[in-house]
Amino acid sequence: MQLPAAGAPRSTGNPALAGLRTWPVKGFDCRVYDLMGPERLTVVRILHDKRDVAAIIAEQQVDEP
């Protein structure tokens, strides 16, 4: 991966999402929310900007593949 830490850090009170990063999808009103681990990038959610992102992220769980 060329830019493993791309995206802006997103603070959240959800401990499952420590290190969450976000970046906009060009041409769309949405963002990708991801976690970078030592071996893989996990896409947590892709959310439209008009959703209640804070509420969704607060309850989000991360399933390991």
C-alpha atoms as a PDB file:
ATOM      1  CA  MET A   1       0.000   0.000   0.000  1.00  0.00           C
ATOM      2  CA  GLN A   2       1.485   3.321  -1.032  1.00  0.00           C
ATOM      3  CA  LEU A   3      -0.266   5.567   1.515  1.00  0.00           C
ATOM      4  CA  PRO A   4      -1.154   3.363   4.496  1.00  0.00           C
ATOM      5  CA  ALA A   5      -1.976   6.303   6.771  1.00  0.00           C
ATOM      6  CA  ALA A   6      -3.932   8.323   4.208  1.00  0.00           C
ATOM      7  CA  GLY A   7      -7.026  10.058   5.460  1.00  0.00           C
ATOM      8  CA  ALA A   8      -7.788  12.236   8.413  1.00  0.00           C
ATOM      9  CA  PRO A   9      -7.900  10.802  11.933  1.00  0.00           C
ATOM     10  CA  ARG A  10     -11.437  10.605  13.333  1.00  0.00           C
ATOM     11  CA  SER A  11     -11.806  10.716  17.094  1.00  0.00           C
ATOM     12  CA  THR A  12     -14.538   8.584  18.580  1.00  0.00           C
ATOM     13  CA  GLY A  13     -15.517   7.374  22.025  1.00  0.00           C
ATOM     14  CA  ASN A  14     -15.843   3.859  20.632  1.00  0.00           C
ATOM     15  CA  PRO A  15     -12.824   1.799  21.810  1.00  0.00           C
ATOM     16  CA  ALA A  16     -13.340  -0.703  18.977  1.00  0.00           C
ATOM     17  CA  LEU A  17     -12.449   2.085  16.554  1.00  0.00           C
ATOM     18  CA  ALA A  18      -9.211   3.384  18.064  1.00  0.00           C
ATOM     19  CA  GLY A  19      -7.121   4.711  15.170  1.00  0.00           C
ATOM     20  CA  LEU A  20     -10.112   5.287  12.873  1.00  0.00           C
ATOM     21  CA  ARG A  21      -9.311   7.320   9.767  1.00  0.00           C
ATOM     22  CA  THR A  22     -11.628   8.811   7.157  1.00  0.00           C
ATOM     23  CA  TRP A  23     -11.338  10.104   3.631  1.00  0.00           C
ATOM     24  CA  PRO A  24     -13.856  11.518   1.143  1.00  0.00           C
ATOM     25  CA  VAL A  25     -14.784   9.712  -2.051  1.00  0.00           C
ATOM     26  CA  LYS A  26     -14.233  12.154  -4.902  1.00  0.00           C
ATOM     27  CA  GLY A  27     -17.413  12.867  -6.844  1.00  0.00           C
ATOM     28  CA  PHE A  28     -19.721  11.476  -4.150  1.00  0.00           C
ATOM     29  CA  ASP A  29     -21.113  12.835  -0.873  1.00  0.00           C
ATOM     30  CA  CYS A  30     -19.693   9.993   1.187  1.00  0.00           C
ATOM     31  CA  ARG A  31     -16.626   9.016   3.181  1.00  0.00           C
ATOM     32  CA  VAL A  32     -14.739   5.791   3.796  1.00  0.00           C
ATOM     33  CA  TYR A  33     -13.982   4.958   7.444  1.00  0.00           C
ATOM     34  CA  ASP A  34     -11.091   2.555   7.948  1.00  0.00           C
ATOM     35  CA  LEU A  35      -8.634   1.064  10.419  1.00  0.00           C
ATOM     36  CA  MET A  36      -5.046   0.294   9.492  1.00  0.00           C
ATOM     37  CA  GLY A  37      -3.633  -2.791  11.176  1.00  0.00           C
ATOM     38  CA  PRO A  38      -0.142  -4.277  10.937  1.00  0.00           C
ATOM     39  CA  GLU A  39      -1.202  -6.750   8.234  1.00  0.00           C
ATOM     40  CA  ARG A  40      -4.325  -5.256   6.621  1.00  0.00           C
ATOM     41  CA  LEU A  41      -6.598  -2.320   6.060  1.00  0.00           C
ATOM     42  CA  THR A  42     -10.135  -2.836   7.374  1.00  0.00           C
ATOM     43  CA  VAL A  43     -12.883  -0.761   5.788  1.00  0.00           C
ATOM     44  CA  VAL A  44     -15.301  -0.222   8.659  1.00  0.00           C
ATOM     45  CA  ARG A  45     -18.056   1.708   6.859  1.00  0.00           C
ATOM     46  CA  ILE A  46     -18.805   3.835   3.838  1.00  0.00           C
ATOM     47  CA  LEU A  47     -21.325   6.478   4.871  1.00  0.00           C
ATOM     48  CA  HIS A  48     -23.164   9.277   3.115  1.00  0.00           C
ATOM     49  CA  ASP A  49     -22.281  12.677   4.584  1.00  0.00           C
ATOM     50  CA  LYS A  50     -25.929  13.372   5.480  1.00  0.00           C
ATOM     51  CA  ARG A  51     -26.200  10.353   7.780  1.00  0.00           C
ATOM     52  CA  ASP A  52     -25.827  10.722  11.548  1.00  0.00           C
ATOM     53  CA  VAL A  53     -22.207   9.589  11.391  1.00  0.00           C
ATOM     54  CA  ALA A  54     -21.446  10.195  15.072  1.00  0.00           C
ATOM     55  CA  ALA A  55     -24.332   7.955  16.201  1.00  0.00           C
ATOM     56  CA  ILE A  56     -23.491   5.206  13.707  1.00  0.00           C
ATOM     57  CA  ILE A  57     -19.788   5.194  14.583  1.00  0.00           C
ATOM     58  CA  ALA A  58     -20.542   5.209  18.321  1.00  0.00           C
ATOM     59  CA  GLU A  59     -22.294   1.838  17.975  1.00  0.00           C
ATOM     60  CA  GLN A  60     -20.095   0.311  15.267  1.00  0.00           C
ATOM     61  CA  GLN A  61     -18.425  -3.024  15.951  1.00  0.00           C
ATOM     62  CA  VAL A  62     -15.517  -4.412  13.958  1.00  0.00           C
ATOM     63  CA  ASP A  63     -15.562  -8.045  12.867  1.00  0.00           C
ATOM     64  CA  GLU A  64     -12.182  -9.549  12.114  1.00  0.00           C
ATOM     65  CA  PRO A  65     -12.136 -11.599   8.903  1.00  0.00           C
END
